[in-house]
PDB file of N, CA and C in Angstrom:
ATOM      1  N   MET A   1       9.646 -11.505   1.847  1.00  0.00           N
ATOM      2  CA  MET A   1       8.657  -9.940   2.081  1.00  0.00           C
ATOM      3  C   MET A   1       8.816  -9.315   0.531  1.00  0.00           C
ATOM      4  N   LYS A   2       9.624 -10.440   0.231  1.00  0.00           N
ATOM      5  CA  LYS A   2       9.048  -9.980  -1.899  1.00  0.00           C
ATOM      6  C   LYS A   2       7.228 -10.214  -1.632  1.00  0.00           C
ATOM      7  N   LEU A   3       6.705 -11.023  -1.326  1.00  0.00           N
ATOM      8  CA  LEU A   3       5.030 -11.586  -1.199  1.00  0.00           C
ATOM      9  C   LEU A   3       4.089 -10.024  -0.564  1.00  0.00           C
ATOM     10  N   LEU A   4       5.374  -9.514   0.305  1.00  0.00           N
ATOM     11  CA  LEU A   4       4.600  -7.836   0.797  1.00  0.00           C
ATOM     12  C   LEU A   4       4.847  -6.432  -0.268  1.00  0.00           C
ATOM     13  N   THR A   5       5.331  -6.910  -0.593  1.00  0.00           N
ATOM     14  CA  THR A   5       6.004  -5.560  -2.600  1.00  0.00           C
ATOM     15  C   THR A   5       4.636  -6.009  -3.246  1.00  0.00           C
ATOM     16  N   MET A   6       5.276  -7.543  -3.569  1.00  0.00           N
ATOM     17  CA  MET A   6       4.119  -8.115  -4.547  1.00  0.00           C
ATOM     18  C   MET A   6       2.352  -7.400  -4.492  1.00  0.00           C
ATOM     19  N   LEU A   7       1.220  -7.847  -2.355  1.00  0.00           N
ATOM     20  CA  LEU A   7       0.400  -7.372  -2.236  1.00  0.00           C
ATOM     21  C   LEU A   7       0.340  -6.629  -2.371  1.00  0.00           C
ATOM     22  N   THR A   8       1.257  -5.317  -1.672  1.00  0.00           N
ATOM     23  CA  THR A   8       1.220  -4.028  -2.339  1.00  0.00           C
ATOM     24  C   THR A   8       1.235  -3.334  -3.099  1.00  0.00           C
ATOM     25  N   ALA A   9       1.256  -4.119  -4.294  1.00  0.00           N
ATOM     26  CA  ALA A   9       0.816  -3.657  -5.923  1.00  0.00           C
ATOM     27  C   ALA A   9       0.153  -4.518  -6.389  1.00  0.00           C
ATOM     28  N   ALA A  10      -0.106  -5.088  -6.063  1.00  0.00           N
ATOM     29  CA  ALA A  10      -1.578  -5.800  -6.393  1.00  0.00           C
ATOM     30  C   ALA A  10      -3.079  -5.115  -5.547  1.00  0.00           C
ATOM     31  N   VAL A  11      -1.958  -4.782  -4.299  1.00  0.00           N
ATOM     32  CA  VAL A  11      -3.475  -3.806  -3.427  1.00  0.00           C
ATOM     33  C   VAL A  11      -4.167  -2.303  -4.294  1.00  0.00           C
ATOM     34  N   LEU A  12      -2.100  -1.784  -5.130  1.00  0.00           N
ATOM     35  CA  LEU A  12      -2.511  -0.226  -5.679  1.00  0.00           C
ATOM     36  C   LEU A  12      -3.413  -0.151  -6.905  1.00  0.00           C
ATOM     37  N   THR A  13      -2.736  -1.710  -7.646  1.00  0.00           N
ATOM     38  CA  THR A  13      -3.640  -1.346  -9.412  1.00  0.00           C
ATOM     39  C   THR A  13      -4.910  -1.685  -9.184  1.00  0.00           C
ATOM     40  N   ALA A  14      -5.488  -2.955  -7.615  1.00  0.00           N
ATOM     41  CA  ALA A  14      -6.318  -3.241  -7.614  1.00  0.00           C
ATOM     42  C   ALA A  14      -7.491  -1.361  -7.636  1.00  0.00           C
ATOM     43  N   GLY A  15      -7.393  -0.689  -6.594  1.00  0.00           N
ATOM     44  CA  GLY A  15      -7.393   0.542  -5.540  1.00  0.00           C
ATOM     45  C   GLY A  15      -8.017   1.787  -7.225  1.00  0.00           C
ATOM     46  N   LEU A  16      -6.737   1.130  -8.079  1.00  0.00           N
ATOM     47  CA  LEU A  16      -6.674   3.114  -9.202  1.00  0.00           C
ATOM     48  C   LEU A  16      -8.584   2.062 -10.108  1.00  0.00           C
ATOM     49  N   TRP A  17      -8.266   0.710 -10.187  1.00  0.00           N
ATOM     50  CA  TRP A  17      -8.914   0.348 -11.359  1.00  0.00           C
ATOM     51  C   TRP A  17     -10.520  -0.149 -10.447  1.00  0.00           C
ATOM     52  N   GLY A  18     -10.131  -0.130  -9.244  1.00  0.00           N
ATOM     53  CA  GLY A  18     -11.805  -0.081  -8.739  1.00  0.00           C
ATOM     54  C   GLY A  18     -12.699   0.623  -8.304  1.00  0.00           C
ATOM     55  N   SER A  19     -11.731   1.936  -8.117  1.00  0.00           N
ATOM     56  CA  SER A  19     -12.245   3.447  -7.647  1.00  0.00           C
ATOM     57  C   SER A  19     -13.035   3.492  -9.264  1.00  0.00           C
ATOM     58  N   GLY A  20     -13.764   2.396 -10.306  1.00  0.00           N
ATOM     59  CA  GLY A  20     -14.671   3.227 -11.146  1.00  0.00           C
ATOM     60  C   GLY A  20     -14.242   3.724 -12.638  1.00  0.00           C
ATOM     61  N   ALA A  21     -12.313   3.553 -12.609  1.00  0.00           N
ATOM     62  CA  ALA A  21     -11.686   4.097 -13.627  1.00  0.00           C
ATOM     63  C   ALA A  21     -12.540   3.462 -14.878  1.00  0.00           C
ATOM     64  N   LYS A  22     -12.337   2.280 -14.388  1.00  0.00           N
ATOM     65  CA  LYS A  22     -12.506   1.376 -16.221  1.00  0.00           C
ATOM     66  C   LYS A  22     -13.918   1.945 -16.707  1.00  0.00           C
ATOM     67  N   ALA A  23     -15.111   1.997 -15.251  1.00  0.00           N
ATOM     68  CA  ALA A  23     -16.061   2.861 -15.463  1.00  0.00           C
ATOM     69  C   ALA A  23     -16.240   3.189 -16.568  1.00  0.00           C
ATOM     70  N   GLN A  24     -15.761   4.240 -16.430  1.00  0.00           N
ATOM     71  CA  GLN A  24     -15.170   5.856 -16.526  1.00  0.00           C
ATOM     72  C   GLN A  24     -14.468   5.903 -18.206  1.00  0.00           C
ATOM     73  N   MET A  25     -13.771   5.062 -18.216  1.00  0.00           N
ATOM     74  CA  MET A  25     -12.820   5.171 -19.988  1.00  0.00           C
ATOM     75  C   MET A  25     -14.149   5.459 -20.612  1.00  0.00           C
ATOM     76  N   LYS A  26     -14.302   6.262 -21.654  1.00  0.00           N
ATOM     77  CA  LYS A  26     -15.308   6.397 -23.251  1.00  0.00           C
ATOM     78  C   LYS A  26     -14.851   7.135 -24.381  1.00  0.00           C
ATOM     79  N   ASP A  27     -13.641   7.543 -23.635  1.00  0.00           N
ATOM     80  CA  ASP A  27     -13.256   8.410 -25.130  1.00  0.00           C
ATOM     81  C   ASP A  27     -11.409   7.888 -25.213  1.00  0.00           C
ATOM     82  N   GLY A  28     -10.521   8.380 -26.240  1.00  0.00           N
ATOM     83  CA  GLY A  28      -9.136   7.513 -26.070  1.00  0.00           C
ATOM     84  C   GLY A  28      -8.163   7.956 -25.274  1.00  0.00           C
ATOM     85  N   SER A  29      -9.040   9.335 -25.414  1.00  0.00           N
ATOM     86  CA  SER A  29      -7.658  10.677 -23.916  1.00  0.00           C
ATOM     87  C   SER A  29      -7.700   9.772 -23.007  1.00  0.00           C
ATOM     88  N   ALA A  30      -9.429   9.355 -22.474  1.00  0.00           N
ATOM     89  CA  ALA A  30      -8.926   9.394 -21.494  1.00  0.00           C
ATOM     90  C   ALA A  30      -8.651   7.723 -20.791  1.00  0.00           C
ATOM     91  N   GLU A  31      -9.033   6.427 -22.129  1.00  0.00           N
ATOM     92  CA  GLU A  31      -7.768   5.902 -22.121  1.00  0.00           C
ATOM     93  C   GLU A  31      -6.621   5.638 -21.865  1.00  0.00           C
ATOM     94  N   MET A  32      -5.927   6.656 -22.803  1.00  0.00           N
ATOM     95  CA  MET A  32      -4.923   6.932 -23.007  1.00  0.00           C
ATOM     96  C   MET A  32      -3.875   7.683 -21.782  1.00  0.00           C
ATOM     97  N   GLY A  33      -4.902   8.509 -20.644  1.00  0.00           N
ATOM     98  CA  GLY A  33      -4.517   8.713 -19.601  1.00  0.00           C
ATOM     99  C   GLY A  33      -4.371   7.809 -18.381  1.00  0.00           C
ATOM    100  N   MET A  34      -5.167   6.882 -18.444  1.00  0.00           N
ATOM    101  CA  MET A  34      -5.330   5.748 -17.399  1.00  0.00           C
ATOM    102  C   MET A  34      -3.642   4.975 -17.666  1.00  0.00           C
ATOM    103  N   MET A  35      -3.904   4.343 -18.816  1.00  0.00           N
ATOM    104  CA  MET A  35      -3.022   3.914 -18.884  1.00  0.00           C
ATOM    105  C   MET A  35      -1.316   4.269 -19.100  1.00  0.00           C
ATOM    106  N   LYS A  36      -1.799   5.567 -19.259  1.00  0.00           N
ATOM    107  CA  LYS A  36       0.332   6.259 -18.629  1.00  0.00           C
ATOM    108  C   LYS A  36       0.204   6.809 -16.657  1.00  0.00           C
ATOM    109  N   GLN A  37      -0.917   6.618 -17.087  1.00  0.00           N
ATOM    110  CA  GLN A  37      -0.611   7.058 -14.599  1.00  0.00           C
ATOM    111  C   GLN A  37      -0.918   5.305 -14.416  1.00  0.00           C
ATOM    112  N   HIS A  38      -1.225   3.947 -15.068  1.00  0.00           N
ATOM    113  CA  HIS A  38      -0.896   2.770 -14.244  1.00  0.00           C
ATOM    114  C   HIS A  38       0.134   2.341 -14.876  1.00  0.00           C
ATOM    115  N   GLU A  39       1.750   2.445 -16.385  1.00  0.00           N
ATOM    116  CA  GLU A  39       2.503   2.496 -16.157  1.00  0.00           C
ATOM    117  C   GLU A  39       3.326   3.399 -15.281  1.00  0.00           C
ATOM    118  N   GLU A  40       3.450   4.422 -15.056  1.00  0.00           N
ATOM    119  CA  GLU A  40       3.902   5.315 -13.826  1.00  0.00           C
ATOM    120  C   GLU A  40       3.835   4.444 -12.544  1.00  0.00           C
ATOM    121  N   THR A  41       2.427   4.123 -11.983  1.00  0.00           N
ATOM    122  CA  THR A  41       2.507   3.378 -11.061  1.00  0.00           C
ATOM    123  C   THR A  41       3.108   2.281 -11.030  1.00  0.00           C
ATOM    124  N   THR A  42       3.627   1.697 -12.372  1.00  0.00           N
ATOM    125  CA  THR A  42       3.625   0.139 -12.257  1.00  0.00           C
ATOM    126  C   THR A  42       5.069  -0.009 -11.848  1.00  0.00           C
ATOM    127  N   LYS A  43       5.931   1.498 -12.413  1.00  0.00           N
ATOM    128  CA  LYS A  43       7.353   1.737 -12.190  1.00  0.00           C
ATOM    129  C   LYS A  43       7.982   1.874 -11.424  1.00  0.00           C
ATOM    130  N   LEU A  44       6.236   2.272 -10.429  1.00  0.00           N
ATOM    131  CA  LEU A  44       7.105   2.902  -9.465  1.00  0.00           C
ATOM    132  C   LEU A  44       7.114   1.500  -8.627  1.00  0.00           C
ATOM    133  N   VAL A  45       6.122   0.652  -8.797  1.00  0.00           N
ATOM    134  CA  VAL A  45       5.881  -0.781  -7.941  1.00  0.00           C
ATOM    135  C   VAL A  45       7.545  -1.701  -8.359  1.00  0.00           C
ATOM    136  N   ASP A  46       8.149  -1.471  -9.567  1.00  0.00           N
ATOM    137  CA  ASP A  46       9.183  -2.604  -9.502  1.00  0.00           C
ATOM    138  C   ASP A  46       9.987  -1.495  -9.144  1.00  0.00           C
ATOM    139  N   GLN A  47      10.280  -0.216  -8.700  1.00  0.00           N
ATOM    140  CA  GLN A  47      12.019   0.008  -8.402  1.00  0.00           C
ATOM    141  C   GLN A  47      11.465  -0.174  -6.846  1.00  0.00           C
ATOM    142  N   LEU A  48      10.052   0.217  -6.205  1.00  0.00           N
ATOM    143  CA  LEU A  48       9.798  -0.426  -5.039  1.00  0.00           C
ATOM    144  C   LEU A  48      10.674  -1.818  -4.745  1.00  0.00           C
ATOM    145  N   ALA A  49       9.698  -2.735  -5.598  1.00  0.00           N
ATOM    146  CA  ALA A  49      10.594  -4.266  -5.640  1.00  0.00           C
ATOM    147  C   ALA A  49      11.924  -4.103  -6.064  1.00  0.00           C
ATOM    148  N   LYS A  50      12.791  -3.744  -6.644  1.00  0.00           N
ATOM    149  CA  LYS A  50      14.102  -3.555  -7.122  1.00  0.00           C
ATOM    150  C   LYS A  50      14.851  -3.544  -5.480  1.00  0.00           C
ATOM    151  N   SER A  51      14.494  -2.588  -5.170  1.00  0.00           N
ATOM    152  CA  SER A  51      15.049  -1.527  -3.833  1.00  0.00           C
ATOM    153  C   SER A  51      15.120  -2.451  -2.527  1.00  0.00           C
ATOM    154  N   PHE A  52      13.636  -3.085  -2.495  1.00  0.00           N
ATOM    155  CA  PHE A  52      13.724  -3.577  -0.567  1.00  0.00           C
ATOM    156  C   PHE A  52      14.235  -5.065  -1.389  1.00  0.00           C
ATOM    157  N   ALA A  53      14.524  -5.568  -2.775  1.00  0.00           N
ATOM    158  CA  ALA A  53      15.694  -7.122  -2.683  1.00  0.00           C
ATOM    159  C   ALA A  53      17.050  -6.222  -2.045  1.00  0.00           C
ATOM    160  N   ALA A  54      17.385  -5.395  -2.389  1.00  0.00           N
ATOM    161  CA  ALA A  54      18.880  -4.938  -2.336  1.00  0.00           C
ATOM    162  C   ALA A  54      18.637  -4.413  -1.140  1.00  0.00           C
ATOM    163  N   ILE A  55      17.561  -3.955  -0.185  1.00  0.00           N
ATOM    164  CA  ILE A  55      17.351  -4.175   1.084  1.00  0.00           C
ATOM    165  C   ILE A  55      17.949  -4.842   1.883  1.00  0.00           C
ATOM    166  N   GLU A  56      17.585  -6.674   1.164  1.00  0.00           N
ATOM    167  CA  GLU A  56      16.759  -7.364   1.868  1.00  0.00           C
ATOM    168  C   GLU A  56      18.861  -8.039   2.133  1.00  0.00           C
ATOM    169  N   ALA A  57      19.048  -7.836   0.642  1.00  0.00           N
ATOM    170  CA  ALA A  57      20.624  -8.544   1.198  1.00  0.00           C
ATOM    171  C   ALA A  57      21.247  -7.786   1.415  1.00  0.00           C
ATOM    172  N   GLU A  58      21.101  -6.488   2.142  1.00  0.00           N
ATOM    173  CA  GLU A  58      22.435  -5.687   2.256  1.00  0.00           C
ATOM    174  C   GLU A  58      22.808  -5.606   4.054  1.00  0.00           C
ATOM    175  N   LYS A  59      23.999  -6.040   3.426  1.00  0.00           N
ATOM    176  CA  LYS A  59      24.780  -6.757   5.198  1.00  0.00           C
ATOM    177  C   LYS A  59      25.591  -5.947   6.199  1.00  0.00           C
ATOM    178  N   ASN A  60      25.259  -4.735   5.244  1.00  0.00           N
ATOM    179  CA  ASN A  60      26.667  -3.705   5.532  1.00  0.00           C
ATOM    180  C   ASN A  60      25.133  -2.147   6.477  1.00  0.00           C
ATOM    181  N   PRO A  61      25.820  -2.184   8.189  1.00  0.00           N
ATOM    182  CA  PRO A  61      24.581  -1.181   8.241  1.00  0.00           C
ATOM    183  C   PRO A  61      24.738   0.455   7.560  1.00  0.00           C
ATOM    184  N   ALA A  62      25.798   0.297   7.312  1.00  0.00           N
ATOM    185  CA  ALA A  62      25.553   1.274   6.383  1.00  0.00           C
ATOM    186  C   ALA A  62      25.118   2.616   5.440  1.00  0.00           C
ATOM    187  N   GLU A  63      25.571   1.143   4.566  1.00  0.00           N
ATOM    188  CA  GLU A  63      24.659   0.902   3.054  1.00  0.00           C
ATOM    189  C   GLU A  63      23.314   0.582   3.380  1.00  0.00           C
ATOM    190  N   LEU A  64      23.015  -0.291   3.955  1.00  0.00           N
ATOM    191  CA  LEU A  64      21.175  -0.333   4.637  1.00  0.00           C
ATOM    192  C   LEU A  64      20.651   0.556   4.555  1.00  0.00           C
ATOM    193  N   GLN A  65      21.702   2.189   5.802  1.00  0.00           N
ATOM    194  CA  GLN A  65      20.912   2.693   5.911  1.00  0.00           C
ATOM    195  C   GLN A  65      20.258   3.915   4.467  1.00  0.00           C
ATOM    196  N   LYS A  66      21.316   4.163   4.189  1.00  0.00           N
ATOM    197  CA  LYS A  66      21.026   4.528   2.287  1.00  0.00           C
ATOM    198  C   LYS A  66      20.067   4.258   1.180  1.00  0.00           C
ATOM    199  N   LYS A  67      20.102   2.451   1.619  1.00  0.00           N
ATOM    200  CA  LYS A  67      19.071   1.934   0.418  1.00  0.00           C
ATOM    201  C   LYS A  67      17.682   2.820   2.012  1.00  0.00           C
ATOM    202  N   ILE A  68      17.385   1.828   2.894  1.00  0.00           N
ATOM    203  CA  ILE A  68      16.556   2.531   3.423  1.00  0.00           C
ATOM    204  C   ILE A  68      15.938   3.082   2.446  1.00  0.00           C
ATOM    205  N   ALA A  69      17.000   4.066   3.360  1.00  0.00           N
ATOM    206  CA  ALA A  69      16.134   6.004   2.824  1.00  0.00           C
ATOM    207  C   ALA A  69      16.178   6.126   1.410  1.00  0.00           C
ATOM    208  N   ALA A  70      16.686   5.849   0.441  1.00  0.00           N
ATOM    209  CA  ALA A  70      16.120   5.834  -1.271  1.00  0.00           C
ATOM    210  C   ALA A  70      14.744   5.126  -1.096  1.00  0.00           C
ATOM    211  N   HIS A  71      14.804   4.028  -0.630  1.00  0.00           N
ATOM    212  CA  HIS A  71      13.450   3.617  -0.582  1.00  0.00           C
ATOM    213  C   HIS A  71      12.414   4.260  -0.403  1.00  0.00           C
ATOM    214  N   GLY A  72      12.522   4.709   0.948  1.00  0.00           N
ATOM    215  CA  GLY A  72      11.695   5.965   0.972  1.00  0.00           C
ATOM    216  C   GLY A  72      10.791   6.870   0.234  1.00  0.00           C
ATOM    217  N   VAL A  73      12.058   6.866   0.123  1.00  0.00           N
ATOM    218  CA  VAL A  73      11.681   8.080  -1.495  1.00  0.00           C
ATOM    219  C   VAL A  73      10.672   7.339  -2.046  1.00  0.00           C
ATOM    220  N   VAL A  74      11.346   7.172  -2.651  1.00  0.00           N
ATOM    221  CA  VAL A  74      10.298   6.351  -4.054  1.00  0.00           C
ATOM    222  C   VAL A  74       9.132   5.967  -3.612  1.00  0.00           C
ATOM    223  N   LEU A  75       9.283   5.181  -2.343  1.00  0.00           N
ATOM    224  CA  LEU A  75       7.659   4.493  -1.722  1.00  0.00           C
ATOM    225  C   LEU A  75       6.635   5.785  -1.438  1.00  0.00           C
ATOM    226  N   LYS A  76       7.309   7.248  -0.704  1.00  0.00           N
ATOM    227  CA  LYS A  76       6.335   8.770  -0.908  1.00  0.00           C
ATOM    228  C   LYS A  76       6.650   8.981  -2.098  1.00  0.00           C
ATOM    229  N   GLU A  77       7.112   8.598  -3.420  1.00  0.00           N
ATOM    230  CA  GLU A  77       6.622   9.297  -4.634  1.00  0.00           C
ATOM    231  C   GLU A  77       5.782   8.180  -4.907  1.00  0.00           C
ATOM    232  N   LEU A  78       5.620   6.768  -4.609  1.00  0.00           N
ATOM    233  CA  LEU A  78       4.054   6.359  -4.908  1.00  0.00           C
ATOM    234  C   LEU A  78       2.969   6.225  -4.034  1.00  0.00           C
ATOM    235  N   GLN A  79       3.812   7.334  -3.089  1.00  0.00           N
ATOM    236  CA  GLN A  79       2.031   7.557  -2.234  1.00  0.00           C
ATOM    237  C   GLN A  79       1.394   8.580  -3.219  1.00  0.00           C
ATOM    238  N   ALA A  80       2.001   9.679  -3.255  1.00  0.00           N
ATOM    239  CA  ALA A  80       2.422  10.826  -3.856  1.00  0.00           C
ATOM    240  C   ALA A  80       1.499  10.961  -5.124  1.00  0.00           C
ATOM    241  N   VAL A  81       1.932   9.337  -6.226  1.00  0.00           N
ATOM    242  CA  VAL A  81       1.207   9.595  -7.673  1.00  0.00           C
ATOM    243  C   VAL A  81      -0.594   8.852  -7.026  1.00  0.00           C
ATOM    244  N   THR A  82       0.148   7.992  -6.129  1.00  0.00           N
ATOM    245  CA  THR A  82      -1.573   7.560  -5.444  1.00  0.00           C
ATOM    246  C   THR A  82      -2.612   8.643  -5.311  1.00  0.00           C
ATOM    247  N   GLN A  83      -2.399   9.561  -4.377  1.00  0.00           N
ATOM    248  CA  GLN A  83      -3.090  10.064  -3.807  1.00  0.00           C
ATOM    249  C   GLN A  83      -3.397  11.083  -4.420  1.00  0.00           C
ATOM    250  N   GLY A  84      -2.436  11.059  -6.146  1.00  0.00           N
ATOM    251  CA  GLY A  84      -3.401  11.956  -7.038  1.00  0.00           C
ATOM    252  C   GLY A  84      -4.197  11.382  -8.131  1.00  0.00           C
ATOM    253  N   HIS A  85      -4.242   9.984  -8.488  1.00  0.00           N
ATOM    254  CA  HIS A  85      -4.586   9.479  -9.383  1.00  0.00           C
ATOM    255  C   HIS A  85      -6.566   9.567  -8.719  1.00  0.00           C
ATOM    256  N   GLY A  86      -6.076   8.900  -6.916  1.00  0.00           N
ATOM    257  CA  GLY A  86      -7.447   8.340  -6.040  1.00  0.00           C
ATOM    258  C   GLY A  86      -8.448  10.979  -6.681  1.00  0.00           C
ATOM    259  N   LYS A  87      -7.592  11.073  -6.081  1.00  0.00           N
ATOM    260  CA  LYS A  87      -8.215  13.014  -5.903  1.00  0.00           C
ATOM    261  C   LYS A  87      -8.755  12.641  -8.123  1.00  0.00           C
ATOM    262  N   MET A  88      -8.304  12.902  -9.098  1.00  0.00           N
ATOM    263  CA  MET A  88      -8.611  13.323 -10.543  1.00  0.00           C
ATOM    264  C   MET A  88     -10.014  11.411 -10.285  1.00  0.00           C
ATOM    265  N   MET A  89      -9.823  10.538  -9.574  1.00  0.00           N
ATOM    266  CA  MET A  89     -10.636   9.873 -10.133  1.00  0.00           C
ATOM    267  C   MET A  89     -12.205  10.351  -9.449  1.00  0.00           C
ATOM    268  N   ASP A  90     -12.297  10.826  -8.036  1.00  0.00           N
ATOM    269  CA  ASP A  90     -13.293  11.646  -6.970  1.00  0.00           C
ATOM    270  C   ASP A  90     -14.210  12.541  -7.299  1.00  0.00           C
ATOM    271  N   GLU A  91     -12.745  13.103  -8.729  1.00  0.00           N
ATOM    272  CA  GLU A  91     -12.795  14.876 -10.027  1.00  0.00           C
ATOM    273  C   GLU A  91     -14.056  14.080 -11.114  1.00  0.00           C
ATOM    274  N   MET A  92     -13.534  13.267 -12.131  1.00  0.00           N
ATOM    275  CA  MET A  92     -14.101  11.920 -12.519  1.00  0.00           C
ATOM    276  C   MET A  92     -15.513  11.556 -12.355  1.00  0.00           C
ATOM    277  N   LYS A  93     -15.514  11.260 -11.090  1.00  0.00           N
ATOM    278  CA  LYS A  93     -16.971  10.911 -10.205  1.00  0.00           C
ATOM    279  C   LYS A  93     -17.597  11.366 -10.340  1.00  0.00           C
ATOM    280  N   ALA A  94     -17.411  12.588 -10.357  1.00  0.00           N
ATOM    281  CA  ALA A  94     -18.644  14.171  -9.032  1.00  0.00           C
ATOM    282  C   ALA A  94     -18.629  14.660 -11.003  1.00  0.00           C
ATOM    283  N   LYS A  95     -17.722  14.587 -12.107  1.00  0.00           N
ATOM    284  CA  LYS A  95     -17.972  15.251 -12.952  1.00  0.00           C
ATOM    285  C   LYS A  95     -19.162  14.338 -14.183  1.00  0.00           C
ATOM    286  N   MET A  96     -18.649  12.855 -13.518  1.00  0.00           N
ATOM    287  CA  MET A  96     -19.829  11.690 -14.564  1.00  0.00           C
ATOM    288  C   MET A  96     -20.863  12.685 -13.306  1.00  0.00           C
ATOM    289  N   ALA A  97     -21.275  12.076 -11.954  1.00  0.00           N
ATOM    290  CA  ALA A  97     -22.363  11.855 -11.296  1.00  0.00           C
ATOM    291  C   ALA A  97     -23.071  13.992 -11.879  1.00  0.00           C
ATOM    292  N   THR A  98     -22.749  14.709 -12.527  1.00  0.00           N
ATOM    293  CA  THR A  98     -23.389  15.812 -12.341  1.00  0.00           C
ATOM    294  C   THR A  98     -23.677  16.289 -14.316  1.00  0.00           C
ATOM    295  N   LYS A  99     -23.146  15.581 -14.971  1.00  0.00           N
ATOM    296  CA  LYS A  99     -23.574  14.998 -16.083  1.00  0.00           C
ATOM    297  C   LYS A  99     -25.133  14.175 -15.735  1.00  0.00           C
ATOM    298  N   MET A 100     -24.932  12.876 -15.561  1.00  0.00           N
ATOM    299  CA  MET A 100     -26.320  12.404 -15.039  1.00  0.00           C
ATOM    300  C   MET A 100     -26.993  12.877 -14.172  1.00  0.00           C
ATOM    301  N   GLY A 101     -26.938  13.623 -13.670  1.00  0.00           N
ATOM    302  CA  GLY A 101     -27.754  14.244 -13.037  1.00  0.00           C
ATOM    303  C   GLY A 101     -28.030  13.819 -11.883  1.00  0.00           C
ATOM    304  N   THR A 102     -27.256  13.295 -10.863  1.00  0.00           N
ATOM    305  CA  THR A 102     -27.738  12.827  -9.977  1.00  0.00           C
ATOM    306  C   THR A 102     -27.473  12.756  -8.848  1.00  0.00           C
ATOM    307  N   VAL A 103     -25.711  14.163  -9.328  1.00  0.00           N
ATOM    308  CA  VAL A 103     -25.710  14.740  -8.396  1.00  0.00           C
ATOM    309  C   VAL A 103     -25.768  16.573  -8.637  1.00  0.00           C
ATOM    310  N   ALA A 104     -25.961  17.633  -7.842  1.00  0.00           N
ATOM    311  CA  ALA A 104     -25.981  18.946  -8.388  1.00  0.00           C
ATOM    312  C   ALA A 104     -24.146  19.405  -8.179  1.00  0.00           C
ATOM    313  N   PRO A 105     -23.713  20.289  -9.382  1.00  0.00           N
ATOM    314  CA  PRO A 105     -22.559  20.085  -9.318  1.00  0.00           C
ATOM    315  C   PRO A 105     -22.158  21.319  -7.640  1.00  0.00           C
ATOM    316  N   PRO A 106     -20.482  21.412  -7.504  1.00  0.00           N
ATOM    317  CA  PRO A 106     -20.670  21.365  -6.476  1.00  0.00           C
ATOM    318  C   PRO A 106     -20.515  22.666  -6.043  1.00  0.00           C
ATOM    319  N   ALA A 107     -20.743  24.013  -6.940  1.00  0.00           N
ATOM    320  CA  ALA A 107     -20.985  25.294  -6.599  1.00  0.00           C
ATOM    321  C   ALA A 107     -22.162  25.479  -6.509  1.00  0.00           C
ATOM    322  N   ALA A 108     -23.195  24.229  -6.836  1.00  0.00           N
ATOM    323  CA  ALA A 108     -24.717  24.515  -6.509  1.00  0.00           C
ATOM    324  C   ALA A 108     -25.122  24.390  -5.172  1.00  0.00           C
ATOM    325  N   GLN A 109     -23.770  23.100  -4.575  1.00  0.00           N
ATOM    326  CA  GLN A 109     -24.565  22.478  -3.681  1.00  0.00           C
ATOM    327  C   GLN A 109     -24.926  22.940  -1.987  1.00  0.00           C
ATOM    328  N   GLU A 110     -25.501  22.837  -1.348  1.00  0.00           N
ATOM    329  CA  GLU A 110     -25.375  23.896  -0.233  1.00  0.00           C
ATOM    330  C   GLU A 110     -24.267  22.895   1.167  1.00  0.00           C
ATOM    331  N   LYS A 111     -23.479  24.644   1.452  1.00  0.00           N
ATOM    332  CA  LYS A 111     -22.930  23.988   2.760  1.00  0.00           C
ATOM    333  C   LYS A 111     -24.166  24.284   3.871  1.00  0.00           C
ATOM    334  N   LYS A 112     -24.221  22.731   5.035  1.00  0.00           N
ATOM    335  CA  LYS A 112     -24.924  23.298   6.126  1.00  0.00           C
ATOM    336  C   LYS A 112     -24.119  23.089   6.887  1.00  0.00           C
ATOM    337  N   PRO A 113     -24.126  24.081   8.005  1.00  0.00           N
ATOM    338  CA  PRO A 113     -23.379  23.940   9.139  1.00  0.00           C
ATOM    339  C   PRO A 113     -23.478  22.877  10.035  1.00  0.00           C
ATOM    340  N   VAL A 114     -22.485  22.823  10.691  1.00  0.00           N
ATOM    341  CA  VAL A 114     -21.763  21.733  11.680  1.00  0.00           C
ATOM    342  C   VAL A 114     -22.323  22.441  12.905  1.00  0.00           C
ATOM    343  N   PRO A 115     -23.076  21.343  13.862  1.00  0.00           N
ATOM    344  CA  PRO A 115     -23.777  22.102  15.448  1.00  0.00           C
ATOM    345  C   PRO A 115     -23.237  21.620  15.941  1.00  0.00           C
ATOM    346  N   GLU A 116     -22.808  22.494  16.471  1.00  0.00           N
ATOM    347  CA  GLU A 116     -22.087  22.610  18.123  1.00  0.00           C
ATOM    348  C   GLU A 116     -22.164  22.255  19.355  1.00  0.00           C
ATOM    349  N   ASP A 117     -21.576  20.835  19.713  1.00  0.00           N
ATOM    350  CA  ASP A 117     -21.370  20.466  20.469  1.00  0.00           C
ATOM    351  C   ASP A 117     -21.280  21.179  21.783  1.00  0.00           C
ATOM    352  N   HIS A 118     -22.169  21.193  22.465  1.00  0.00           N
ATOM    353  CA  HIS A 118     -22.713  21.832  23.777  1.00  0.00           C
ATOM    354  C   HIS A 118     -22.271  21.255  25.154  1.00  0.00           C
ATOM    355  N   SER A 119     -21.640  20.600  25.216  1.00  0.00           N
ATOM    356  CA  SER A 119     -21.725  18.942  26.009  1.00  0.00           C
ATOM    357  C   SER A 119     -20.187  19.271  27.087  1.00  0.00           C
ATOM    358  N   ALA A 120     -19.311  19.830  26.201  1.00  0.00           N
ATOM    359  CA  ALA A 120     -17.820  20.104  27.215  1.00  0.00           C
ATOM    360  C   ALA A 120     -17.910  21.105  28.101  1.00  0.00           C
ATOM    361  N   HIS A 121     -18.973  22.061  27.973  1.00  0.00           N
ATOM    362  CA  HIS A 121     -18.873  23.245  28.566  1.00  0.00           C
ATOM    363  C   HIS A 121     -19.943  23.359  30.014  1.00  0.00           C
ATOM    364  N   HIS A 122     -20.524  21.779  30.307  1.00  0.00           N
ATOM    365  CA  HIS A 122     -20.848  21.681  31.144  1.00  0.00           C
ATOM    366  C   HIS A 122     -19.717  21.211  32.276  1.00  0.00           C
TER     367      HIS A 122
END
């Protein structure tokens, strides 16, 4: 199962960098922010790997439940951090697109009404 944890780390890292973050780092502050985020993600993935190894080795059912619960807390933290990174990346992409003139700013975009589905009324 260690391979599963390593694969999870690789997918998360690829997702952060593959989302366009690398191409958008133009100044030092953006690079520092991305480096900090990467370090935070790496730390959590390392914690998960250690936690999972402890779960695999645990024989006492009561202790196993405690370790699984602690593992879940770290996993949820990683999920929140990763989702936060994704949201920031989406915001950065939108800002870059707006600056480049490829997309209108969100305030200028029109909201189109969703057509009603009348098929359920028959």
